[in-house]
């Protein structure tokens, strides 16, 4: 078992690596989704890729929970349930909702597995091993109430935005369309906004550095991609897109 000092160093390293990733992704587009690029190497079906990326963090968090001395403590159990809600949907529901036969580079999948493994160690390490004992009263603290509200608001925004994106085309249609409705009234990457809000909420409800580092990672990974999507829409839709006066990911800000 690692020490608290080693765990804190691990969080610092993860935060610094996120900064490097943030800068790099403004110059290199991760080659999946609408930026799929065969130069990234062998590819696998999108559905399988998403499952392989997201299932390990669900499994590892479960193992960390069952292996800890806090398995049945109420507050850590609530944190665990909230965290797993996202990954239950992401690993076991979302992949089977994907339409079409698009593919994902295996290198992207492997990098995501590495990050998700590290993130499970960050979040599970804090919740089940290194945090001070959370008293039951934490569940009616302002941190938990505000954080849980943000998490579930972001979760709903993310699900609704994904639904809009999935239904942009009818079967057999290959034309490109601008997503509209929901948070797409304000940003061009509403699904990313929802996910970012989720993990800000989780950082607040746990009031932890581990949660804050994950929220930072979420922004570092998604903000450059939202920027790339924004400029893609500018090129494809021209004045139609510009007239919408959208932000990239965060309403009224970015």
Protein backbone atom coordinates (compact mmCIF):
# COMPACT_ATOMS: atom_id res chain seq x y z
CA UNK A 1 0.00 0.00 0.00
CA UNK A 2 1.40 3.39 -0.94
CA UNK A 3 1.84 6.12 1.65
CA UNK A 4 -0.14 9.36 1.84
CA UNK A 5 2.97 11.30 0.77
CA UNK A 6 3.36 9.12 -2.34
CA UNK A 7 -0.33 9.55 -3.11
CA UNK A 8 -0.04 13.35 -2.88
CA UNK A 9 2.97 13.27 -5.22
CA UNK A 10 0.94 11.13 -7.61
CA UNK A 11 -1.81 13.79 -7.68
CA UNK A 12 0.73 16.52 -8.41
CA UNK A 13 2.26 14.51 -11.26
CA UNK A 14 -1.19 13.86 -12.72
CA UNK A 15 -2.04 17.57 -12.58
CA UNK A 16 1.21 18.50 -14.35
CA UNK A 17 0.70 15.83 -17.03
CA UNK A 18 -2.79 17.24 -17.63
CA UNK A 19 -1.23 20.62 -18.39
CA UNK A 20 1.08 19.01 -20.97
CA UNK A 21 -1.89 17.19 -22.52
CA UNK A 22 -3.92 20.40 -22.59
CA UNK A 23 -1.26 22.24 -24.58
CA UNK A 24 -0.50 19.28 -26.87
CA UNK A 25 -4.12 18.74 -27.87
CA UNK A 26 -4.31 22.20 -29.40
CA UNK A 27 -1.73 20.98 -31.91
CA UNK A 28 -2.64 17.29 -32.25
CA UNK A 29 -6.25 16.13 -32.67
CA UNK A 30 -6.94 12.80 -30.97
CA UNK A 31 -7.85 10.60 -33.93
CA UNK A 32 -11.27 9.32 -32.95
CA UNK A 33 -14.86 10.35 -33.65
CA UNK A 34 -15.16 13.02 -36.35
CA UNK A 35 -11.35 13.37 -36.32
CA UNK A 36 -10.71 9.68 -37.00
CA UNK A 37 -7.37 9.28 -38.73
CA UNK A 38 -5.94 5.93 -39.94
CA UNK A 39 -2.46 7.32 -39.26
CA UNK A 40 -3.12 6.53 -35.59
CA UNK A 41 -2.73 2.83 -36.42
CA UNK A 42 -4.99 -0.22 -36.23
CA UNK A 43 -8.60 0.53 -35.38
CA UNK A 44 -11.42 -1.37 -33.73
CA UNK A 45 -15.21 -0.82 -33.81
CA UNK A 46 -16.32 2.24 -31.86
CA UNK A 47 -18.65 0.25 -29.63
CA UNK A 48 -15.90 -2.13 -28.58
CA UNK A 49 -13.48 0.76 -28.14
CA UNK A 50 -15.77 2.66 -25.76
CA UNK A 51 -16.43 -0.48 -23.74
CA UNK A 52 -12.73 -1.32 -23.45
CA UNK A 53 -11.91 2.28 -22.44
CA UNK A 54 -14.56 2.72 -19.77
CA UNK A 55 -15.14 -0.73 -18.27
CA UNK A 56 -11.73 -0.98 -16.53
CA UNK A 57 -12.32 2.07 -14.31
CA UNK A 58 -15.71 0.66 -13.28
CA UNK A 59 -14.08 -2.67 -12.41
CA UNK A 60 -11.04 -1.18 -10.64
CA UNK A 61 -13.16 1.19 -8.54
CA UNK A 62 -15.29 -1.78 -7.51
CA UNK A 63 -12.17 -3.71 -6.50
CA UNK A 64 -10.79 -0.76 -4.50
CA UNK A 65 -14.16 -0.42 -2.75
CA UNK A 66 -14.42 -4.11 -1.84
CA UNK A 67 -10.76 -4.25 -0.72
CA UNK A 68 -10.99 -1.32 1.66
CA UNK A 69 -11.93 -1.09 5.33
CA UNK A 70 -14.61 1.47 4.42
CA UNK A 71 -16.73 -0.79 2.22
CA UNK A 72 -19.95 -0.22 4.14
CA UNK A 73 -19.35 3.29 5.46
CA UNK A 74 -22.30 5.33 4.27
CA UNK A 75 -20.63 8.46 2.84
CA UNK A 76 -17.88 6.66 0.86
CA UNK A 77 -20.56 4.28 -0.40
CA UNK A 78 -22.63 7.24 -1.64
CA UNK A 79 -19.56 8.74 -3.35
CA UNK A 80 -18.88 5.36 -4.95
CA UNK A 81 -22.46 5.06 -6.19
CA UNK A 82 -22.42 8.52 -7.72
CA UNK A 83 -19.08 7.92 -9.45
CA UNK A 84 -20.13 4.53 -10.78
CA UNK A 85 -23.39 5.95 -12.14
CA UNK A 86 -21.40 7.75 -14.81
CA UNK A 87 -19.26 4.77 -15.76
CA UNK A 88 -22.12 2.29 -15.66
CA UNK A 89 -23.75 4.37 -18.37
CA UNK A 90 -20.50 5.07 -20.23
CA UNK A 91 -19.22 1.48 -20.33
CA UNK A 92 -22.35 -0.67 -20.49
CA UNK A 93 -25.08 1.51 -22.07
CA UNK A 94 -23.51 4.25 -24.20
CA UNK A 95 -21.50 1.91 -26.50
CA UNK A 96 -24.65 0.05 -27.52
CA UNK A 97 -26.43 3.28 -28.42
CA UNK A 98 -23.76 4.27 -30.94
CA UNK A 99 -25.04 4.30 -34.50
CA UNK A 100 -23.07 3.50 -37.64
CA UNK A 101 -19.93 1.46 -38.14
CA UNK A 102 -17.24 4.00 -37.28
CA UNK A 103 -13.96 2.89 -35.78
CA UNK A 104 -11.54 4.04 -33.11
CA UNK A 105 -7.74 3.70 -33.13
CA UNK A 106 -6.45 1.11 -30.71
CA UNK A 107 -3.81 3.60 -29.52
CA UNK A 108 -6.57 5.95 -28.32
CA UNK A 109 -8.23 3.08 -26.48
CA UNK A 110 -4.97 2.08 -24.78
CA UNK A 111 -4.20 5.67 -23.71
CA UNK A 112 -7.70 5.99 -22.28
CA UNK A 113 -7.28 2.74 -20.34
CA UNK A 114 -4.04 4.04 -18.83
CA UNK A 115 -5.67 7.31 -17.78
CA UNK A 116 -8.79 5.62 -16.40
CA UNK A 117 -6.61 3.26 -14.37
CA UNK A 118 -4.75 6.24 -12.90
CA UNK A 119 -8.03 8.04 -12.25
CA UNK A 120 -9.47 5.04 -10.40
CA UNK A 121 -6.37 5.10 -8.19
CA UNK A 122 -6.84 8.85 -7.61
CA UNK A 123 -10.54 8.72 -6.76
CA UNK A 124 -10.65 5.31 -5.10
CA UNK A 125 -7.45 6.06 -3.22
CA UNK A 126 -8.97 9.18 -1.71
CA UNK A 127 -12.46 7.87 -1.00
CA UNK A 128 -11.53 4.48 0.44
CA UNK A 129 -8.00 4.89 1.80
CA UNK A 130 -6.59 8.37 2.36
CA UNK A 131 -9.46 10.72 3.17
CA UNK A 132 -10.30 11.59 6.77
CA UNK A 133 -13.45 9.82 7.90
CA UNK A 134 -16.53 11.47 6.40
CA UNK A 135 -19.25 11.80 9.02
CA UNK A 136 -22.85 11.05 8.06
CA UNK A 137 -23.59 14.77 8.41
CA UNK A 138 -21.49 15.34 5.28
CA UNK A 139 -24.54 14.29 3.25
CA UNK A 140 -26.33 17.50 4.22
CA UNK A 141 -23.29 19.77 4.03
CA UNK A 142 -23.36 22.54 1.45
CA UNK A 143 -20.46 20.89 -0.39
CA UNK A 144 -22.36 17.66 -0.89
CA UNK A 145 -25.67 19.30 -1.79
CA UNK A 146 -24.14 21.74 -4.30
CA UNK A 147 -21.75 19.14 -5.70
CA UNK A 148 -24.44 16.47 -6.14
CA UNK A 149 -26.73 19.00 -7.85
CA UNK A 150 -23.92 19.93 -10.26
CA UNK A 151 -23.02 16.30 -10.90
CA UNK A 152 -26.53 15.20 -11.80
CA UNK A 153 -27.24 18.36 -13.79
CA UNK A 154 -24.09 17.69 -15.82
CA UNK A 155 -25.02 14.02 -16.16
CA UNK A 156 -28.43 14.93 -17.62
CA UNK A 157 -26.91 17.55 -19.94
CA UNK A 158 -24.37 15.00 -21.16
CA UNK A 159 -27.01 12.33 -21.83
CA UNK A 160 -29.37 14.76 -23.58
CA UNK A 161 -26.58 16.20 -25.72
CA UNK A 162 -25.43 12.72 -26.75
CA UNK A 163 -29.04 11.92 -27.67
CA UNK A 164 -29.23 15.00 -29.91
CA UNK A 165 -25.94 14.09 -31.62
CA UNK A 166 -27.05 10.47 -32.19
CA UNK A 167 -30.26 11.59 -33.86
CA UNK A 168 -28.80 14.18 -36.22
CA UNK A 169 -28.98 11.71 -39.10
CA UNK A 170 -31.54 9.20 -40.26
CA UNK A 171 -30.28 5.72 -41.23
CA UNK A 172 -28.34 5.88 -44.46
CA UNK A 173 -27.88 9.66 -44.34
CA UNK A 174 -24.26 10.80 -44.59
CA UNK A 175 -24.81 14.58 -44.60
CA UNK A 176 -23.41 16.69 -41.75
CA UNK A 177 -25.73 18.72 -39.53
CA UNK A 178 -25.35 21.23 -36.72
CA UNK A 179 -26.65 19.92 -33.40
CA UNK A 180 -29.46 22.10 -32.06
CA UNK A 181 -31.54 22.28 -28.92
CA UNK A 182 -30.68 21.78 -25.28
CA UNK A 183 -27.34 23.29 -24.30
CA UNK A 184 -26.41 23.44 -27.98
CA UNK A 185 -28.24 26.77 -27.92
CA UNK A 186 -25.19 28.19 -26.13
CA UNK A 187 -22.19 25.98 -26.96
CA UNK A 188 -21.10 23.85 -29.88
CA UNK A 189 -19.89 20.99 -27.64
CA UNK A 190 -22.72 20.69 -25.13
CA UNK A 191 -21.89 17.05 -24.35
CA UNK A 192 -18.42 18.12 -23.21
CA UNK A 193 -19.90 20.90 -21.10
CA UNK A 194 -22.14 18.38 -19.37
CA UNK A 195 -19.24 16.07 -18.57
CA UNK A 196 -17.14 18.95 -17.26
CA UNK A 197 -19.97 20.05 -14.96
CA UNK A 198 -20.32 16.48 -13.71
CA UNK A 199 -16.74 16.26 -12.53
CA UNK A 200 -16.69 19.75 -11.06
CA UNK A 201 -19.68 18.57 -9.07
CA UNK A 202 -17.85 15.43 -7.97
CA UNK A 203 -14.84 17.50 -6.88
CA UNK A 204 -17.15 19.70 -4.79
CA UNK A 205 -19.20 16.91 -3.24
CA UNK A 206 -16.05 15.04 -2.17
CA UNK A 207 -14.21 18.34 -1.46
CA UNK A 208 -11.00 16.65 -2.51
CA UNK A 209 -7.82 17.36 -4.43
CA UNK A 210 -8.35 14.07 -6.26
CA UNK A 211 -11.71 15.28 -7.55
CA UNK A 212 -10.20 18.64 -8.51
CA UNK A 213 -7.41 16.96 -10.49
CA UNK A 214 -9.98 14.90 -12.37
CA UNK A 215 -12.06 18.00 -13.15
CA UNK A 216 -8.87 19.67 -14.43
CA UNK A 217 -8.08 16.60 -16.55
CA UNK A 218 -11.60 16.68 -17.99
CA UNK A 219 -11.13 20.31 -19.06
CA UNK A 220 -7.59 19.67 -20.34
CA UNK A 221 -8.81 16.80 -22.51
CA UNK A 222 -12.11 18.24 -23.76
CA UNK A 223 -11.49 21.98 -24.15
CA UNK A 224 -8.95 21.63 -27.00
CA UNK A 225 -11.24 19.13 -28.72
CA UNK A 226 -14.20 21.49 -28.33
CA UNK A 227 -12.05 24.17 -29.98
CA UNK A 228 -11.28 21.85 -32.91
CA UNK A 229 -14.98 20.99 -33.31
CA UNK A 230 -15.86 24.71 -33.23
CA UNK A 231 -13.47 25.49 -36.07
CA UNK A 232 -14.71 22.47 -38.03
CA UNK A 233 -18.26 23.82 -37.82
CA UNK A 234 -16.99 27.24 -38.90
CA UNK A 235 -15.46 25.75 -42.03
CA UNK A 236 -18.39 23.48 -42.87
CA UNK A 237 -21.34 25.76 -42.10
CA UNK A 238 -19.86 29.25 -42.49
CA UNK A 239 -22.28 32.08 -41.81
CA UNK A 240 -25.03 29.70 -40.66
CA UNK A 241 -22.82 28.71 -37.75
CA UNK A 242 -21.37 32.17 -37.06
CA UNK A 243 -24.85 33.68 -36.74
CA UNK A 244 -25.54 31.37 -33.78
CA UNK A 245 -22.81 33.15 -31.77
CA UNK A 246 -22.00 30.02 -29.81
CA UNK A 247 -19.17 29.45 -27.37
CA UNK A 248 -17.07 26.33 -27.62
CA UNK A 249 -17.76 24.49 -24.37
CA UNK A 250 -18.68 26.78 -21.46
CA UNK A 251 -21.67 29.11 -21.99
CA UNK A 252 -20.75 32.83 -22.15
CA UNK A 253 -17.10 32.07 -21.27
CA UNK A 254 -15.31 29.70 -23.66
